Amino acid sequence: MTLRTYVRPTAGWWRRNGHYRAYMVREASSVFVTAYALVLLVGLARLAQGRVPFEAWRAALATPWALGFHVVALGFFVCHAWTWFAVMPKTLPFIRVGGRRVSDDGIVAAGACAAVAASLVLFLAVWWTRP
């Protein structure tokens, strides 16, 4: 009689539960966040090299592939940010305003509104200072 070791099936474990699927999408979004950070670092390096390399980098960002990457990255950024806002009520200590505890939905909404407001301020600042 031979003994066989139990091998737990792990293929596709994340597809069996909605929470696991959301977790995997969030983790996949971090790849796009990292890729975009690298794009910005390359831009910073090109800026340090002078005007011509920087303008070449900017021209490369105007290609259809780069624009497509930015659209996909934006979607993943929104997903990534939303999942962080959703976890805020679980990580923050209880917040009380006027003697009442702020609801979890209120904390998520406040975080999302703050992010949208900061993005709008940044967008408008760039818009008004463009040549």
C-alpha atoms as a PDB file:
ATOM      1  CA  MET A   1       0.000   0.000   0.000  1.00  0.00           C
ATOM      2  CA  THR A   2       1.434   3.373  -1.010  1.00  0.00           C
ATOM      3  CA  LEU A   3       0.573   6.614   0.663  1.00  0.00           C
ATOM      4  CA  ARG A   4      -0.115   9.598  -1.487  1.00  0.00           C
ATOM      5  CA  THR A   5       0.207  13.152  -0.307  1.00  0.00           C
ATOM      6  CA  TYR A   6      -2.931  15.237  -0.542  1.00  0.00           C
ATOM      7  CA  VAL A   7      -2.499  18.005  -3.071  1.00  0.00           C
ATOM      8  CA  ARG A   8      -4.989  20.772  -2.647  1.00  0.00           C
ATOM      9  CA  PRO A   9      -6.187  22.111  -6.023  1.00  0.00           C
ATOM     10  CA  THR A  10      -5.211  25.743  -6.317  1.00  0.00           C
ATOM     11  CA  ALA A  11      -5.843  26.414  -9.985  1.00  0.00           C
ATOM     12  CA  GLY A  12      -8.455  29.129 -10.358  1.00  0.00           C
ATOM     13  CA  TRP A  13      -8.994  29.598  -6.609  1.00  0.00           C
ATOM     14  CA  TRP A  14      -9.719  33.270  -7.105  1.00  0.00           C
ATOM     15  CA  ARG A  15     -12.570  32.621  -9.559  1.00  0.00           C
ATOM     16  CA  ARG A  16     -14.691  30.777  -7.005  1.00  0.00           C
ATOM     17  CA  ASN A  17     -15.639  33.779  -4.906  1.00  0.00           C
ATOM     18  CA  GLY A  18     -16.533  37.370  -5.803  1.00  0.00           C
ATOM     19  CA  HIS A  19     -14.370  38.755  -3.005  1.00  0.00           C
ATOM     20  CA  TYR A  20     -11.370  36.841  -4.322  1.00  0.00           C
ATOM     21  CA  ARG A  21     -11.998  38.137  -7.854  1.00  0.00           C
ATOM     22  CA  ALA A  22     -12.126  41.713  -6.569  1.00  0.00           C
ATOM     23  CA  TYR A  23      -8.899  41.084  -4.663  1.00  0.00           C
ATOM     24  CA  MET A  24      -7.162  39.831  -7.810  1.00  0.00           C
ATOM     25  CA  VAL A  25      -8.358  42.807  -9.870  1.00  0.00           C
ATOM     26  CA  ARG A  26      -7.019  45.127  -7.181  1.00  0.00           C
ATOM     27  CA  GLU A  27      -3.685  43.337  -7.151  1.00  0.00           C
ATOM     28  CA  ALA A  28      -3.522  43.443 -10.961  1.00  0.00           C
ATOM     29  CA  SER A  29      -4.185  47.176 -10.829  1.00  0.00           C
ATOM     30  CA  SER A  30      -0.957  47.645  -8.875  1.00  0.00           C
ATOM     31  CA  VAL A  31       0.965  46.497 -11.971  1.00  0.00           C
ATOM     32  CA  PHE A  32      -0.479  49.429 -13.930  1.00  0.00           C
ATOM     33  CA  VAL A  33       0.197  51.829 -11.067  1.00  0.00           C
ATOM     34  CA  THR A  34       3.842  50.705 -11.076  1.00  0.00           C
ATOM     35  CA  ALA A  35       4.094  50.920 -14.874  1.00  0.00           C
ATOM     36  CA  TYR A  36       2.753  54.472 -14.818  1.00  0.00           C
ATOM     37  CA  ALA A  37       5.203  55.441 -12.083  1.00  0.00           C
ATOM     38  CA  LEU A  38       8.001  54.148 -14.320  1.00  0.00           C
ATOM     39  CA  VAL A  39       6.665  56.212 -17.246  1.00  0.00           C
ATOM     40  CA  LEU A  40       6.829  59.307 -15.044  1.00  0.00           C
ATOM     41  CA  LEU A  41      10.344  58.440 -13.869  1.00  0.00           C
ATOM     42  CA  VAL A  42      11.491  58.136 -17.478  1.00  0.00           C
ATOM     43  CA  GLY A  43       9.959  61.563 -18.128  1.00  0.00           C
ATOM     44  CA  LEU A  44      11.866  62.990 -15.176  1.00  0.00           C
ATOM     45  CA  ALA A  45      15.099  61.470 -16.477  1.00  0.00           C
ATOM     46  CA  ARG A  46      14.435  62.923 -19.939  1.00  0.00           C
ATOM     47  CA  LEU A  47      13.745  66.316 -18.391  1.00  0.00           C
ATOM     48  CA  ALA A  48      17.114  66.175 -16.636  1.00  0.00           C
ATOM     49  CA  GLN A  49      18.774  65.370 -19.987  1.00  0.00           C
ATOM     50  CA  GLY A  50      17.486  68.520 -21.644  1.00  0.00           C
ATOM     51  CA  ARG A  51      14.765  69.936 -23.833  1.00  0.00           C
ATOM     52  CA  VAL A  52      15.187  67.680 -26.892  1.00  0.00           C
ATOM     53  CA  PRO A  53      14.985  64.327 -25.000  1.00  0.00           C
ATOM     54  CA  PHE A  54      12.067  65.636 -22.952  1.00  0.00           C
ATOM     55  CA  GLU A  55      10.155  66.732 -26.064  1.00  0.00           C
ATOM     56  CA  ALA A  56      10.826  63.305 -27.630  1.00  0.00           C
ATOM     57  CA  TRP A  57       9.368  61.665 -24.501  1.00  0.00           C
ATOM     58  CA  ARG A  58       6.316  63.913 -24.715  1.00  0.00           C
ATOM     59  CA  ALA A  59       5.888  63.052 -28.395  1.00  0.00           C
ATOM     60  CA  ALA A  60       6.051  59.346 -27.514  1.00  0.00           C
ATOM     61  CA  LEU A  61       3.189  59.889 -25.058  1.00  0.00           C
ATOM     62  CA  ALA A  62       1.016  61.172 -27.923  1.00  0.00           C
ATOM     63  CA  THR A  63       1.138  57.891 -29.868  1.00  0.00           C
ATOM     64  CA  PRO A  64      -2.024  55.758 -30.035  1.00  0.00           C
ATOM     65  CA  TRP A  65      -0.368  52.995 -27.970  1.00  0.00           C
ATOM     66  CA  ALA A  66       0.548  55.443 -25.209  1.00  0.00           C
ATOM     67  CA  LEU A  67      -2.918  56.986 -25.210  1.00  0.00           C
ATOM     68  CA  GLY A  68      -4.481  53.526 -25.009  1.00  0.00           C
ATOM     69  CA  PHE A  69      -2.182  52.646 -22.122  1.00  0.00           C
ATOM     70  CA  HIS A  70      -3.241  55.824 -20.331  1.00  0.00           C
ATOM     71  CA  VAL A  71      -6.937  55.014 -20.758  1.00  0.00           C
ATOM     72  CA  VAL A  72      -6.465  51.478 -19.396  1.00  0.00           C
ATOM     73  CA  ALA A  73      -4.216  52.756 -16.604  1.00  0.00           C
ATOM     74  CA  LEU A  74      -6.821  55.365 -15.639  1.00  0.00           C
ATOM     75  CA  GLY A  75      -9.435  52.647 -15.270  1.00  0.00           C
ATOM     76  CA  PHE A  76      -7.123  50.602 -13.075  1.00  0.00           C
ATOM     77  CA  PHE A  77      -6.166  53.709 -11.066  1.00  0.00           C
ATOM     78  CA  VAL A  78      -9.817  54.423 -10.336  1.00  0.00           C
ATOM     79  CA  CYS A  79     -10.344  50.789  -9.303  1.00  0.00           C
ATOM     80  CA  HIS A  80      -7.208  50.820  -7.150  1.00  0.00           C
ATOM     81  CA  ALA A  81      -8.150  54.092  -5.462  1.00  0.00           C
ATOM     82  CA  TRP A  82     -11.729  52.976  -4.837  1.00  0.00           C
ATOM     83  CA  THR A  83     -10.602  49.807  -3.096  1.00  0.00           C
ATOM     84  CA  TRP A  84      -8.378  51.874  -0.810  1.00  0.00           C
ATOM     85  CA  PHE A  85     -11.287  54.166   0.021  1.00  0.00           C
ATOM     86  CA  ALA A  86     -13.458  51.121   0.724  1.00  0.00           C
ATOM     87  CA  VAL A  87     -10.930  49.797   3.252  1.00  0.00           C
ATOM     88  CA  MET A  88     -10.555  53.145   5.077  1.00  0.00           C
ATOM     89  CA  PRO A  89     -13.397  52.527   7.577  1.00  0.00           C
ATOM     90  CA  LYS A  90     -11.775  49.238   8.587  1.00  0.00           C
ATOM     91  CA  THR A  91      -8.370  50.793   9.238  1.00  0.00           C
ATOM     92  CA  LEU A  92      -9.252  54.135  10.814  1.00  0.00           C
ATOM     93  CA  PRO A  93     -10.161  54.557  14.452  1.00  0.00           C
ATOM     94  CA  PHE A  94     -13.788  55.522  15.018  1.00  0.00           C
ATOM     95  CA  ILE A  95     -14.386  59.129  14.006  1.00  0.00           C
ATOM     96  CA  ARG A  96     -16.930  61.103  15.958  1.00  0.00           C
ATOM     97  CA  VAL A  97     -18.480  64.361  14.828  1.00  0.00           C
ATOM     98  CA  GLY A  98     -20.897  66.090  17.180  1.00  0.00           C
ATOM     99  CA  GLY A  99     -20.875  63.079  19.483  1.00  0.00           C
ATOM    100  CA  ARG A 100     -21.975  60.692  16.729  1.00  0.00           C
ATOM    101  CA  ARG A 101     -19.862  58.113  14.976  1.00  0.00           C
ATOM    102  CA  VAL A 102     -19.317  58.806  11.278  1.00  0.00           C
ATOM    103  CA  SER A 103     -20.720  55.939   9.204  1.00  0.00           C
ATOM    104  CA  ASP A 104     -18.511  53.734   7.057  1.00  0.00           C
ATOM    105  CA  ASP A 105     -20.237  55.019   3.917  1.00  0.00           C
ATOM    106  CA  GLY A 106     -19.569  58.593   5.037  1.00  0.00           C
ATOM    107  CA  ILE A 107     -15.856  57.863   5.430  1.00  0.00           C
ATOM    108  CA  VAL A 108     -15.661  56.263   1.967  1.00  0.00           C
ATOM    109  CA  ALA A 109     -17.607  59.140   0.403  1.00  0.00           C
ATOM    110  CA  ALA A 110     -15.399  61.734   2.108  1.00  0.00           C
ATOM    111  CA  GLY A 111     -12.243  60.045   0.854  1.00  0.00           C
ATOM    112  CA  ALA A 112     -13.569  59.779  -2.700  1.00  0.00           C
ATOM    113  CA  CYS A 113     -14.762  63.397  -2.686  1.00  0.00           C
ATOM    114  CA  ALA A 114     -11.390  64.575  -1.386  1.00  0.00           C
ATOM    115  CA  ALA A 115      -9.623  62.687  -4.183  1.00  0.00           C
ATOM    116  CA  VAL A 116     -11.944  64.121  -6.841  1.00  0.00           C
ATOM    117  CA  ALA A 117     -11.533  67.648  -5.436  1.00  0.00           C
ATOM    118  CA  ALA A 118      -7.734  67.351  -5.349  1.00  0.00           C
ATOM    119  CA  SER A 119      -7.740  66.025  -8.931  1.00  0.00           C
ATOM    120  CA  LEU A 120      -9.900  68.920 -10.105  1.00  0.00           C
ATOM    121  CA  VAL A 121      -7.664  71.471  -8.388  1.00  0.00           C
ATOM    122  CA  LEU A 122      -4.599  69.920 -10.007  1.00  0.00           C
ATOM    123  CA  PHE A 123      -6.296  69.745 -13.410  1.00  0.00           C
ATOM    124  CA  LEU A 124      -7.403  73.379 -13.236  1.00  0.00           C
ATOM    125  CA  ALA A 125      -3.963  74.525 -12.064  1.00  0.00           C
ATOM    126  CA  VAL A 126      -2.339  72.804 -15.039  1.00  0.00           C
ATOM    127  CA  TRP A 127      -5.038  74.093 -17.406  1.00  0.00           C
ATOM    128  CA  TRP A 128      -4.615  77.729 -16.354  1.00  0.00           C
ATOM    129  CA  THR A 129      -0.813  77.697 -16.446  1.00  0.00           C
ATOM    130  CA  ARG A 130      -0.404  76.082 -19.868  1.00  0.00           C
ATOM    131  CA  PRO A 131       1.238  78.218 -22.562  1.00  0.00           C
END
